[in-house]
Amino acid sequence: MNETAKRVRVVDVRTLSENWYVLKTTTFDFLRADGTWQRQHRETYDRGNGAVLLLYDRVRETVILTRQFRFPAYVNGHDGMLIEAPAGLLDQASPEARIRAEAEEETGYRVGVVRRIFEAFMSPGSVTEKLYFFVAEYDAAAKCGGGGGIADEGEDIEVLELPFTAAVRMIESGEIADGKTIMLLQYAALHLFPCRP
């Protein structure tokens, strides 16, 4: 048992919804740093873990991104059309295998070698998902289809090939507002295109 587990006593777990993924409410006691136990209540949304990939061409200094409608962003005041790096849930696959499949489905590029750069919890206050971040090089020879996602899953994805510097400017202008994509572009600015702004 790890040290944190000794500080958590689960009292009750109830499933609130299993409509899309699993939403639970949990009551637990937490041992505070001062030695007292405090009863807390939290809701957690479990949608599984996921993977995200930045496709980049170092020679042409371009990246492949996607644009698709995201209803949660729409109901929070955005137009809902988010520019993102290709991503998807693992669905029992390894992160490497899943991101290769997602890249091909969403962008039409067949990816060989992917490099895992880090893992992160994107919204740890309520969502259980851990996201695996990858980068991979691409070129025109890797194009094997049109991309666009899977229509039966509600996907209607536009594929964007952008100059890297333009993508970075789109963060500053607010055109790119997706957290995982911003993280990957900032990684690219530090490690893949370090001489570019």
Protein backbone atom coordinates (compact mmCIF):
# COMPACT_ATOMS: atom_id res chain seq x y z
CA MET A 1 0.00 0.00 0.00
CA ASN A 2 1.43 3.40 -0.94
CA GLU A 3 1.54 6.26 1.57
CA THR A 4 -1.35 8.17 -0.02
CA ALA A 5 -3.60 5.10 0.15
CA LYS A 6 -3.18 5.13 3.94
CA ARG A 7 -4.75 8.62 3.96
CA VAL A 8 -7.90 7.70 2.02
CA ARG A 9 -10.87 5.70 3.35
CA VAL A 10 -13.64 5.24 0.80
CA VAL A 11 -17.06 5.32 2.49
CA ASP A 12 -19.49 5.13 -0.44
CA VAL A 13 -19.40 5.04 -4.26
CA ARG A 14 -22.49 5.61 -6.40
CA THR A 15 -22.77 5.55 -10.20
CA LEU A 16 -24.66 8.61 -11.43
CA SER A 17 -24.50 7.93 -15.17
CA GLU A 18 -23.20 5.39 -17.66
CA ASN A 19 -24.77 7.05 -20.68
CA TRP A 20 -21.57 7.96 -22.53
CA TYR A 21 -18.80 7.14 -20.04
CA VAL A 22 -19.00 6.59 -16.27
CA LEU A 23 -19.83 9.38 -13.82
CA LYS A 24 -19.54 8.45 -10.13
CA THR A 25 -19.91 10.25 -6.83
CA THR A 26 -17.65 9.11 -4.02
CA THR A 27 -17.72 9.88 -0.31
CA PHE A 28 -14.38 9.36 1.42
CA ASP A 29 -12.45 10.35 4.51
CA PHE A 30 -9.07 12.03 3.91
CA LEU A 31 -6.31 12.24 6.53
CA ARG A 32 -5.15 15.85 6.50
CA ALA A 33 -1.56 16.94 7.13
CA ASP A 34 -2.52 18.05 10.67
CA GLY A 35 -3.60 14.47 11.54
CA THR A 36 -7.36 15.01 11.43
CA TRP A 37 -9.76 13.08 9.20
CA GLN A 38 -12.05 15.12 6.94
CA ARG A 39 -15.09 13.75 5.08
CA GLN A 40 -15.12 14.79 1.42
CA HIS A 41 -17.39 14.19 -1.59
CA ARG A 42 -16.14 14.16 -5.19
CA GLU A 43 -17.58 13.34 -8.59
CA THR A 44 -15.28 11.62 -11.08
CA TYR A 45 -15.82 11.15 -14.79
CA ASP A 46 -14.10 8.04 -16.14
CA ARG A 47 -13.72 8.00 -19.91
CA GLY A 48 -10.58 5.88 -20.06
CA ASN A 49 -7.06 6.99 -20.91
CA GLY A 50 -6.08 8.54 -24.21
CA ALA A 51 -3.23 9.47 -26.52
CA VAL A 52 -2.41 12.54 -28.63
CA LEU A 53 0.14 13.07 -31.39
CA LEU A 54 1.85 16.01 -33.07
CA LEU A 55 2.80 15.18 -36.64
CA TYR A 56 5.64 17.43 -37.82
CA ASP A 57 7.84 17.89 -40.86
CA ARG A 58 11.17 19.27 -39.69
CA VAL A 59 12.37 20.12 -43.23
CA ARG A 60 9.25 21.97 -44.39
CA GLU A 61 8.58 23.27 -40.84
CA THR A 62 4.94 22.22 -40.88
CA VAL A 63 2.54 20.40 -38.57
CA ILE A 64 -0.67 18.44 -39.15
CA LEU A 65 -3.65 19.44 -37.01
CA THR A 66 -7.38 18.81 -37.24
CA ARG A 67 -10.53 20.88 -36.82
CA GLN A 68 -13.74 19.37 -35.48
CA PHE A 69 -16.87 20.32 -33.56
CA ARG A 70 -16.71 19.89 -29.77
CA PHE A 71 -20.10 20.31 -28.08
CA PRO A 72 -18.75 20.94 -24.53
CA ALA A 73 -16.67 23.87 -25.84
CA TYR A 74 -19.71 25.12 -27.76
CA VAL A 75 -21.93 25.24 -24.66
CA ASN A 76 -19.15 27.14 -22.84
CA GLY A 77 -19.22 30.08 -25.26
CA HIS A 78 -16.78 28.89 -27.97
CA ASP A 79 -17.96 28.36 -31.55
CA GLY A 80 -17.14 24.69 -30.92
CA MET A 81 -14.83 24.23 -33.92
CA LEU A 82 -11.58 23.35 -32.14
CA ILE A 83 -8.21 22.99 -33.82
CA GLU A 84 -6.46 20.02 -32.24
CA ALA A 85 -3.72 17.47 -32.62
CA PRO A 86 -5.12 14.04 -33.52
CA ALA A 87 -6.11 12.11 -30.41
CA GLY A 88 -8.28 9.33 -29.12
CA LEU A 89 -9.12 7.01 -26.28
CA LEU A 90 -7.02 3.86 -25.88
CA ASP A 91 -9.95 1.40 -25.91
CA GLN A 92 -7.80 -1.49 -24.57
CA ALA A 93 -4.95 -0.81 -27.05
CA SER A 94 -1.44 0.32 -26.15
CA PRO A 95 -0.93 4.09 -26.37
CA GLU A 96 1.46 3.64 -29.32
CA ALA A 97 -0.90 1.40 -31.31
CA ARG A 98 -3.93 3.57 -30.59
CA ILE A 99 -2.29 6.83 -31.62
CA ARG A 100 -1.07 5.32 -34.90
CA ALA A 101 -4.63 4.22 -35.69
CA GLU A 102 -6.10 7.59 -34.66
CA ALA A 103 -3.59 9.50 -36.79
CA GLU A 104 -4.55 7.48 -39.86
CA GLU A 105 -8.30 7.72 -39.17
CA GLU A 106 -8.25 11.45 -38.49
CA THR A 107 -5.51 12.77 -40.79
CA GLY A 108 -4.99 10.13 -43.47
CA TYR A 109 -1.28 9.80 -42.62
CA ARG A 110 0.18 6.38 -41.83
CA VAL A 111 2.66 6.81 -39.00
CA GLY A 112 5.58 4.49 -38.34
CA VAL A 113 7.76 5.46 -35.40
CA VAL A 114 6.10 7.51 -32.67
CA ARG A 115 8.03 8.94 -29.73
CA ARG A 116 6.36 9.21 -26.32
CA ILE A 117 7.39 12.50 -24.73
CA PHE A 118 5.34 12.66 -21.52
CA GLU A 119 2.07 11.78 -19.78
CA ALA A 120 -0.34 14.17 -18.08
CA PHE A 121 -3.66 14.36 -16.26
CA MET A 122 -5.52 17.11 -18.10
CA SER A 123 -8.32 17.84 -15.63
CA PRO A 124 -7.43 15.97 -12.41
CA GLY A 125 -10.06 17.70 -10.30
CA SER A 126 -12.84 15.66 -11.92
CA VAL A 127 -11.70 13.55 -14.88
CA THR A 128 -9.71 10.34 -14.36
CA GLU A 129 -8.15 10.33 -17.86
CA LYS A 130 -4.38 10.20 -18.27
CA LEU A 131 -3.17 11.37 -21.68
CA TYR A 132 -0.07 9.99 -23.40
CA PHE A 133 1.68 12.61 -25.56
CA PHE A 134 3.58 11.63 -28.73
CA VAL A 135 5.42 13.26 -31.60
CA ALA A 136 6.19 11.74 -35.01
CA GLU A 137 7.62 12.94 -38.28
CA TYR A 138 5.57 12.77 -41.47
CA ASP A 139 6.06 13.47 -45.15
CA ALA A 140 3.94 13.34 -48.30
CA ALA A 141 4.77 9.66 -48.83
CA ALA A 142 2.99 8.81 -45.58
CA LYS A 143 -0.36 10.06 -46.91
CA CYS A 144 -2.55 6.98 -47.42
CA GLY A 145 -6.07 8.38 -47.25
CA GLY A 146 -8.22 11.43 -46.77
CA GLY A 147 -8.63 11.22 -43.00
CA GLY A 148 -11.72 12.86 -41.61
CA GLY A 149 -12.50 10.39 -38.85
CA ILE A 150 -15.26 7.80 -38.63
CA ALA A 151 -18.70 9.12 -39.58
CA ASP A 152 -20.52 6.41 -37.58
CA GLU A 153 -18.80 7.78 -34.45
CA GLY A 154 -20.01 11.30 -35.23
CA GLU A 155 -16.63 12.50 -36.51
CA ASP A 156 -16.46 15.10 -39.27
CA ILE A 157 -12.81 16.15 -39.16
CA GLU A 158 -11.01 18.68 -41.34
CA VAL A 159 -7.28 18.07 -41.81
CA LEU A 160 -5.02 21.14 -41.59
CA GLU A 161 -1.38 21.33 -42.65
CA LEU A 162 0.06 24.51 -41.17
CA PRO A 163 3.43 26.20 -41.00
CA PHE A 164 4.69 25.68 -37.47
CA THR A 165 5.11 29.42 -36.88
CA ALA A 166 1.50 30.01 -37.97
CA ALA A 167 0.29 27.36 -35.50
CA VAL A 168 2.17 29.07 -32.67
CA ARG A 169 0.62 32.43 -33.62
CA MET A 170 -2.80 30.75 -33.53
CA ILE A 171 -2.24 30.00 -29.83
CA GLU A 172 -1.54 33.68 -29.21
CA SER A 173 -4.60 34.79 -31.22
CA GLY A 174 -6.88 32.29 -29.49
CA GLU A 175 -7.59 30.30 -32.67
CA ILE A 176 -6.00 27.28 -31.00
CA ALA A 177 -7.58 26.88 -27.57
CA ASP A 178 -7.21 23.13 -26.98
CA GLY A 179 -4.91 22.42 -24.03
CA LYS A 180 -3.26 19.23 -25.30
CA THR A 181 -2.49 20.85 -28.64
CA ILE A 182 -1.00 23.93 -26.98
CA MET A 183 1.22 21.67 -24.86
CA LEU A 184 2.46 19.79 -27.93
CA LEU A 185 3.15 22.98 -29.89
CA GLN A 186 5.07 24.43 -26.95
CA TYR A 187 7.07 21.20 -26.72
CA ALA A 188 7.81 21.52 -30.44
CA ALA A 189 8.96 25.12 -29.97
CA LEU A 190 11.43 23.97 -27.33
CA HIS A 191 12.63 20.69 -28.84
CA LEU A 192 11.65 20.24 -32.49
CA PHE A 193 11.87 23.75 -33.94
CA PRO A 194 14.04 25.53 -31.34
CA CYS A 195 15.17 28.30 -33.69
CA ARG A 196 11.60 29.39 -34.41
CA PRO A 197 9.44 31.73 -32.29
